[in-house]
C-alpha atoms as a PDB file:
ATOM      1  CA  MET A   1      92.888 114.748 132.034  1.00  0.00           C
ATOM      2  CA  ASN A   2      92.105 111.840 134.313  1.00  0.00           C
ATOM      3  CA  LYS A   3      93.092 108.283 133.567  1.00  0.00           C
ATOM      4  CA  ASN A   4      89.546 107.238 132.582  1.00  0.00           C
ATOM      5  CA  GLY A   5      89.224 110.124 130.104  1.00  0.00           C
ATOM      6  CA  LEU A   6      92.553 109.244 128.538  1.00  0.00           C
ATOM      7  CA  SER A   7      91.652 105.578 128.180  1.00  0.00           C
ATOM      8  CA  GLU A   8      88.291 106.529 126.633  1.00  0.00           C
ATOM      9  CA  TYR A   9      90.085 108.740 124.125  1.00  0.00           C
ATOM     10  CA  THR A  10      92.674 106.064 123.349  1.00  0.00           C
ATOM     11  CA  ASN A  11      89.999 103.412 122.918  1.00  0.00           C
ATOM     12  CA  SER A  12      87.952 105.654 120.616  1.00  0.00           C
ATOM     13  CA  VAL A  13      91.016 106.479 118.500  1.00  0.00           C
ATOM     14  CA  HIS A  14      91.862 102.808 118.089  1.00  0.00           C
ATOM     15  CA  ARG A  15      88.235 101.930 117.315  1.00  0.00           C
ATOM     16  CA  ILE A  16      88.015 104.659 114.662  1.00  0.00           C
ATOM     17  CA  GLY A  17      91.436 103.691 113.293  1.00  0.00           C
ATOM     18  CA  ARG A  18      90.545 100.018 112.975  1.00  0.00           C
ATOM     19  CA  THR A  19      87.177 100.842 111.416  1.00  0.00           C
ATOM     20  CA  GLY A  20      88.811 103.235 108.952  1.00  0.00           C
ATOM     21  CA  THR A  21      91.432 100.642 108.052  1.00  0.00           C
ATOM     22  CA  VAL A  22      88.781  97.987 107.366  1.00  0.00           C
ATOM     23  CA  ILE A  23      86.763 100.452 105.258  1.00  0.00           C
ATOM     24  CA  ALA A  24      89.899 101.457 103.301  1.00  0.00           C
ATOM     25  CA  ILE A  25      90.797  97.807 102.640  1.00  0.00           C
ATOM     26  CA  LEU A  26      87.236  97.069 101.492  1.00  0.00           C
ATOM     27  CA  ILE A  27      87.303 100.043  99.115  1.00  0.00           C
ATOM     28  CA  MET A  28      90.776  99.201  97.768  1.00  0.00           C
ATOM     29  CA  LEU A  29      89.804  95.589  97.130  1.00  0.00           C
ATOM     30  CA  GLY A  30      86.196  96.348  96.213  1.00  0.00           C
ATOM     31  CA  ILE A  31      87.002  98.501  93.198  1.00  0.00           C
ATOM     32  CA  PRO A  32      88.986  95.818  91.310  1.00  0.00           C
ATOM     33  CA  VAL A  33      86.486  93.112  92.310  1.00  0.00           C
ATOM     34  CA  THR A  34      83.596  95.255  91.060  1.00  0.00           C
ATOM     35  CA  MET A  35      85.401  96.039  87.786  1.00  0.00           C
ATOM     36  CA  CYS A  36      86.318  92.382  87.204  1.00  0.00           C
ATOM     37  CA  THR A  37      82.755  91.292  87.942  1.00  0.00           C
ATOM     38  CA  TYR A  38      81.117  94.004  85.817  1.00  0.00           C
ATOM     39  CA  PHE A  39      83.357  93.453  82.787  1.00  0.00           C
ATOM     40  CA  ASP A  40      83.657  89.685  83.367  1.00  0.00           C
ATOM     41  CA  MET A  41      87.432  89.763  83.170  1.00  0.00           C
ATOM     42  CA  TRP A  42      88.633  87.766  86.150  1.00  0.00           C
ATOM     43  CA  PRO A  43      92.314  86.813  85.851  1.00  0.00           C
ATOM     44  CA  LYS A  44      93.406  83.213  86.245  1.00  0.00           C
ATOM     45  CA  ALA A  45      94.687  82.377  89.713  1.00  0.00           C
ATOM     46  CA  ALA A  46      98.043  81.166  88.338  1.00  0.00           C
ATOM     47  CA  ASP A  47      98.561  84.413  86.412  1.00  0.00           C
ATOM     48  CA  LEU A  48      97.575  86.480  89.417  1.00  0.00           C
ATOM     49  CA  LEU A  49     100.026  84.648  91.674  1.00  0.00           C
ATOM     50  CA  MET A  50     102.788  84.922  89.093  1.00  0.00           C
ATOM     51  CA  PHE A  51     102.381  88.675  88.669  1.00  0.00           C
ATOM     52  CA  CYS A  52     101.609  89.493  92.297  1.00  0.00           C
ATOM     53  CA  GLY A  53     104.073  87.107  93.924  1.00  0.00           C
ATOM     54  CA  GLY A  54     107.062  89.429  93.680  1.00  0.00           C
ATOM     55  CA  LEU A  55     105.099  92.447  94.856  1.00  0.00           C
ATOM     56  CA  LEU A  56     103.615  90.531  97.772  1.00  0.00           C
ATOM     57  CA  ALA A  57     107.054  89.211  98.736  1.00  0.00           C
ATOM     58  CA  LEU A  58     108.260  92.816  98.901  1.00  0.00           C
ATOM     59  CA  TYR A  59     105.280  94.717 100.290  1.00  0.00           C
ATOM     60  CA  VAL A  60     103.845  92.312 102.884  1.00  0.00           C
ATOM     61  CA  PRO A  61     107.020  92.262 105.020  1.00  0.00           C
ATOM     62  CA  THR A  62     107.494  95.993 104.434  1.00  0.00           C
ATOM     63  CA  GLY A  63     103.935  96.712 105.578  1.00  0.00           C
ATOM     64  CA  ILE A  64     104.369  94.608 108.705  1.00  0.00           C
ATOM     65  CA  VAL A  65     107.714  96.203 109.571  1.00  0.00           C
ATOM     66  CA  GLU A  66     106.382  99.730 108.953  1.00  0.00           C
ATOM     67  CA  SER A  67     103.405  99.068 111.210  1.00  0.00           C
ATOM     68  CA  VAL A  68     105.602  97.801 114.028  1.00  0.00           C
ATOM     69  CA  THR A  69     108.468 100.288 113.773  1.00  0.00           C
ATOM     70  CA  TYR A  70     106.558 103.507 113.066  1.00  0.00           C
ATOM     71  CA  THR A  71     103.811 103.057 115.676  1.00  0.00           C
ATOM     72  CA  PRO A  72     105.958 104.206 118.643  1.00  0.00           C
ATOM     73  CA  ILE A  73     106.940 107.329 116.715  1.00  0.00           C
ATOM     74  CA  LEU A  74     103.581 108.236 115.161  1.00  0.00           C
ATOM     75  CA  GLY A  75     101.275 107.006 117.904  1.00  0.00           C
ATOM     76  CA  SER A  76      97.601 106.814 117.037  1.00  0.00           C
ATOM     77  CA  SER A  77      98.180 108.618 113.739  1.00  0.00           C
ATOM     78  CA  ILE A  78      99.699 105.386 112.391  1.00  0.00           C
ATOM     79  CA  TYR A  79      96.233 104.389 111.153  1.00  0.00           C
ATOM     80  CA  MET A  80      95.907 107.526 109.046  1.00  0.00           C
ATOM     81  CA  SER A  81      99.503 107.179 107.830  1.00  0.00           C
ATOM     82  CA  LEU A  82      99.118 103.605 106.661  1.00  0.00           C
ATOM     83  CA  ILE A  83      95.764 104.289 104.979  1.00  0.00           C
ATOM     84  CA  THR A  84      96.974 107.358 103.075  1.00  0.00           C
ATOM     85  CA  GLY A  85     100.329 105.803 102.191  1.00  0.00           C
ATOM     86  CA  ASN A  86     103.932 106.824 101.543  1.00  0.00           C
ATOM     87  CA  VAL A  87     104.783 106.758 105.226  1.00  0.00           C
ATOM     88  CA  SER A  88     108.576 106.703 105.040  1.00  0.00           C
ATOM     89  CA  ASN A  89     108.939 109.412 102.367  1.00  0.00           C
ATOM     90  CA  ILE A  90     106.202 111.892 103.293  1.00  0.00           C
ATOM     91  CA  LYS A  91     104.285 111.150 106.486  1.00  0.00           C
ATOM     92  CA  LEU A  92     107.159 110.188 108.812  1.00  0.00           C
ATOM     93  CA  PRO A  93     109.427 113.139 107.889  1.00  0.00           C
ATOM     94  CA  CYS A  94     106.440 115.483 108.215  1.00  0.00           C
ATOM     95  CA  ALA A  95     105.598 114.136 111.678  1.00  0.00           C
ATOM     96  CA  LEU A  96     109.246 114.212 112.816  1.00  0.00           C
ATOM     97  CA  ASN A  97     109.628 117.765 111.555  1.00  0.00           C
ATOM     98  CA  ALA A  98     106.468 118.828 113.410  1.00  0.00           C
ATOM     99  CA  LEU A  99     107.724 117.162 116.600  1.00  0.00           C
ATOM    100  CA  ASP A 100     111.044 118.974 116.171  1.00  0.00           C
ATOM    101  CA  ILE A 101     109.384 122.361 115.585  1.00  0.00           C
ATOM    102  CA  VAL A 102     107.189 122.212 118.699  1.00  0.00           C
ATOM    103  CA  LYS A 103     109.896 120.444 120.742  1.00  0.00           C
ATOM    104  CA  ALA A 104     107.552 117.578 121.627  1.00  0.00           C
ATOM    105  CA  GLU A 105     108.721 114.112 122.584  1.00  0.00           C
ATOM    106  CA  GLN A 106     107.729 110.999 120.692  1.00  0.00           C
ATOM    107  CA  ASN A 107     105.428 108.524 122.423  1.00  0.00           C
ATOM    108  CA  THR A 108     103.748 111.162 124.606  1.00  0.00           C
ATOM    109  CA  ASP A 109     100.222 112.576 124.518  1.00  0.00           C
ATOM    110  CA  GLU A 110     101.533 115.887 123.177  1.00  0.00           C
ATOM    111  CA  GLY A 111     103.650 114.103 120.549  1.00  0.00           C
ATOM    112  CA  ASP A 112     100.666 111.977 119.546  1.00  0.00           C
ATOM    113  CA  ALA A 113      98.532 115.082 118.999  1.00  0.00           C
ATOM    114  CA  VAL A 114     101.284 116.835 117.023  1.00  0.00           C
ATOM    115  CA  CYS A 115     101.854 113.785 114.802  1.00  0.00           C
ATOM    116  CA  THR A 116      98.114 113.431 114.168  1.00  0.00           C
ATOM    117  CA  ILE A 117      97.794 117.056 113.075  1.00  0.00           C
ATOM    118  CA  ALA A 118     100.952 116.883 110.922  1.00  0.00           C
ATOM    119  CA  ILE A 119      99.875 113.708 109.144  1.00  0.00           C
ATOM    120  CA  ALA A 120      96.320 114.977 108.644  1.00  0.00           C
ATOM    121  CA  VAL A 121      97.610 118.189 107.054  1.00  0.00           C
ATOM    122  CA  SER A 122     100.103 116.208 104.945  1.00  0.00           C
ATOM    123  CA  SER A 123      97.312 113.918 103.734  1.00  0.00           C
ATOM    124  CA  LEU A 124      95.022 116.852 102.891  1.00  0.00           C
ATOM    125  CA  ILE A 125      97.793 118.587 100.949  1.00  0.00           C
ATOM    126  CA  THR A 126      98.535 115.371  99.050  1.00  0.00           C
ATOM    127  CA  ILE A 127      94.849 115.055  98.150  1.00  0.00           C
ATOM    128  CA  ALA A 128      94.728 118.719  97.068  1.00  0.00           C
ATOM    129  CA  VAL A 129      97.794 118.293  94.832  1.00  0.00           C
ATOM    130  CA  VAL A 130      96.284 115.191  93.208  1.00  0.00           C
ATOM    131  CA  ILE A 131      92.966 116.990  92.626  1.00  0.00           C
ATOM    132  CA  VAL A 132      94.719 120.004  91.061  1.00  0.00           C
ATOM    133  CA  GLY A 133      96.790 117.637  88.886  1.00  0.00           C
ATOM    134  CA  VAL A 134      93.700 115.818  87.650  1.00  0.00           C
ATOM    135  CA  LEU A 135      91.822 119.059  86.970  1.00  0.00           C
ATOM    136  CA  MET A 136      94.790 120.532  85.086  1.00  0.00           C
ATOM    137  CA  LEU A 137      95.427 117.417  82.996  1.00  0.00           C
ATOM    138  CA  VAL A 138      93.042 118.348  80.157  1.00  0.00           C
ATOM    139  CA  PRO A 139      94.002 122.057  79.890  1.00  0.00           C
ATOM    140  CA  LEU A 140      97.706 121.159  79.944  1.00  0.00           C
ATOM    141  CA  GLN A 141      97.414 118.281  77.451  1.00  0.00           C
ATOM    142  CA  PRO A 142      99.003 120.217  74.537  1.00  0.00           C
ATOM    143  CA  LEU A 143     101.946 121.243  76.702  1.00  0.00           C
ATOM    144  CA  LEU A 144     102.399 117.774  78.228  1.00  0.00           C
ATOM    145  CA  SER A 145     102.472 116.118  74.794  1.00  0.00           C
ATOM    146  CA  SER A 146     105.091 118.495  73.363  1.00  0.00           C
ATOM    147  CA  PRO A 147     108.490 116.984  72.440  1.00  0.00           C
ATOM    148  CA  THR A 148     110.345 119.207  74.911  1.00  0.00           C
ATOM    149  CA  VAL A 149     108.311 117.963  77.865  1.00  0.00           C
ATOM    150  CA  GLN A 150     108.625 114.358  76.643  1.00  0.00           C
ATOM    151  CA  VAL A 151     112.436 114.663  76.806  1.00  0.00           C
ATOM    152  CA  ALA A 152     112.290 116.338  80.213  1.00  0.00           C
ATOM    153  CA  THR A 153     110.112 113.586  81.700  1.00  0.00           C
ATOM    154  CA  SER A 154     112.808 111.021  80.945  1.00  0.00           C
ATOM    155  CA  TYR A 155     114.972 112.766  83.574  1.00  0.00           C
ATOM    156  CA  MET A 156     112.301 112.825  86.296  1.00  0.00           C
ATOM    157  CA  LEU A 157     113.015 109.401  87.791  1.00  0.00           C
ATOM    158  CA  PRO A 158     116.800 109.945  88.118  1.00  0.00           C
ATOM    159  CA  ALA A 159     116.120 113.369  89.649  1.00  0.00           C
ATOM    160  CA  LEU A 160     113.692 111.840  92.134  1.00  0.00           C
ATOM    161  CA  PHE A 161     116.172 109.166  93.201  1.00  0.00           C
ATOM    162  CA  GLY A 162     118.883 111.813  93.472  1.00  0.00           C
ATOM    163  CA  CYS A 163     116.723 113.817  95.871  1.00  0.00           C
ATOM    164  CA  MET A 164     115.934 110.699  97.894  1.00  0.00           C
ATOM    165  CA  PHE A 165     119.653 109.883  98.073  1.00  0.00           C
ATOM    166  CA  ILE A 166     120.453 113.365  99.345  1.00  0.00           C
ATOM    167  CA  ARG A 167     117.714 113.052 101.971  1.00  0.00           C
ATOM    168  CA  LEU A 168     119.365 109.882 103.248  1.00  0.00           C
ATOM    169  CA  MET A 169     122.669 111.748 103.612  1.00  0.00           C
ATOM    170  CA  VAL A 170     121.171 114.523 105.746  1.00  0.00           C
ATOM    171  CA  THR A 171     121.920 113.973 109.426  1.00  0.00           C
ATOM    172  CA  ASN A 172     118.505 115.151 110.649  1.00  0.00           C
ATOM    173  CA  PRO A 173     115.811 112.703 109.430  1.00  0.00           C
ATOM    174  CA  ALA A 174     113.135 115.323 110.078  1.00  0.00           C
ATOM    175  CA  GLY A 175     114.182 117.227 106.967  1.00  0.00           C
ATOM    176  CA  GLY A 176     117.307 119.065 108.079  1.00  0.00           C
ATOM    177  CA  LYS A 177     119.012 121.759 106.044  1.00  0.00           C
ATOM    178  CA  ILE A 178     121.506 120.765 103.337  1.00  0.00           C
ATOM    179  CA  THR A 179     123.239 124.157 103.202  1.00  0.00           C
ATOM    180  CA  GLY A 180     127.019 123.993 103.194  1.00  0.00           C
ATOM    181  CA  LYS A 181     127.081 120.374 102.002  1.00  0.00           C
ATOM    182  CA  TRP A 182     127.901 121.016  98.341  1.00  0.00           C
ATOM    183  CA  LYS A 183     129.828 117.738  97.985  1.00  0.00           C
ATOM    184  CA  MET A 184     126.554 115.842  98.356  1.00  0.00           C
ATOM    185  CA  MET A 185     125.445 116.898  94.886  1.00  0.00           C
ATOM    186  CA  ILE A 186     128.305 115.024  93.175  1.00  0.00           C
ATOM    187  CA  ALA A 187     126.938 111.478  93.550  1.00  0.00           C
ATOM    188  CA  PRO A 188     123.373 112.161  92.301  1.00  0.00           C
ATOM    189  CA  PHE A 189     124.686 114.395  89.511  1.00  0.00           C
END
């Protein structure tokens, strides 16, 4: 591919990415604004700042740092990653694993294409899982409200953090194997 074709592609990817980001922000902010306007339930500015202040103090710097640090790794797929969310737990490991499987280098045209495909597939699978969960919510209502399941759900958060802890202990951030590392189960357990 010649240099002009590559710059046209790069420019179009960034244009589409910026447009998609603006549309996503408008949708994410438009839904609460529409609901507050329709139901005439606008919160007071002081209450909003009090409740959102801690979250903004945490997520604004995190969002800025993620954008800056993950862009060299993910390339142009950073737009899709940041719009669909959960970059560090789902999208980044998926992209790194895909790069590892095809033996592609980060920050190259081939790596950019691999990361884009990996993150697109990851996003589609996430959407499919959410859709199946929503569709199965009503048929599974009797099971989900049973006392046994209620007790089991109290252990979900510790189990999730245990899995995340183990992932941090794995040497390969792209989702390496944990086989032979039985001592790692002691701390989460």
